[in-house]
Amino acid sequence: MHNSTENIYKQKANQVLDYISANLHSPLHLDVIADRINVSQRQLLRIMSAILNEPLYAYVARQRIERAVLYMQTEEMNLSKLAAMVGYDNPQSFSKAFKKQFGISPKAYINELQTRLEGYVQSSGNRSSLPSEICNFEGLELVYIRILGKYGEEEPYETAWSKLICFLKDNQALTPDARFIGLSFDDPNVTNDNLCRFYACASVQKKIIPTGEFGTIRLQQGKYAVYTLKGSCTGLQDLYNNICVNFEYTIRHGMAFEEYISYSREDSKEDIIKIYIPIK
């Protein structure tokens, strides 16, 4: 495949993934998605299968169920509402799809997940309460590059961040006040490690035209609880697990994200990561 063709396919894949992520509550018809990126349905399936390492139909079905798990962790709701929020016409179809993916009912799964998380926290020796602060986040325009695979793997992450910096420099968009953001779309306690999606992002002050593997996304404004991790990022998952088990606020539907403070400060002598959790 020529580089120009590969870049076009990567750009179209980003458009498809972002569209699916924003519309899991709606029917996602193949012809509609194909029309959005100006390819045939057959070509769409071929592009996405190569990018995702799984068929597009399987990806959408999995995303709906895993999004439902996120919603169940956020608030209690009946099956009818939950099914509608992830694009199912009725709770029976949703329950059947859920059991097909996880082998048990939604209620049994969320109870098992909570028990598993509590076990992780207990075995890690973390405290039962965590210091946090409240932040009214103003929102950011971001440029991203996507990483698909196990969170935190050194080589692909270093490569992605380096590519992102070069892209910003080439577009004269790397400013001294740029903020570096990580968007983790999946929970490794729920999603297979090799299928986790991460966006390495940087804030921009100018309009950037997405090209190749680089896309743009807006991080919405809102109220967040902010937790700070000082030291190695290898402690991130333990911190997330602790937050999940001992959360003191009312969570809202929204995008949690990480901000890499030390990445923005050349004089920093310590890794500092802030975790933003959307709250009401």
Foldseek 3Di string as FASTA:
>chain_A
DDPQVLLLLLLLLVVLVVVLVVPQLADDDLVVSCVVSVHDSVVVQVSNCVVQVDTPVVVSLLVLLQVLLVVVLQDDDDQQVSCNRRHHPGSVVVQVSNCVVVVDGSVVVNVVLLVVLVVLLVVVPDDLDADWDKDFFAKFKKKWFKDAFAPPDPPVVVVRVVVVVVVCVVVVFDDLPKWWKKFWPGQVSRDPRRGTMMITIIGGDDDDDDIGRMDMDMAHTAMWIKGKDKADCVCVNSVVSSCSNNPDANADDGTKMKIFVVVSPVPDPITMIMITTHGD
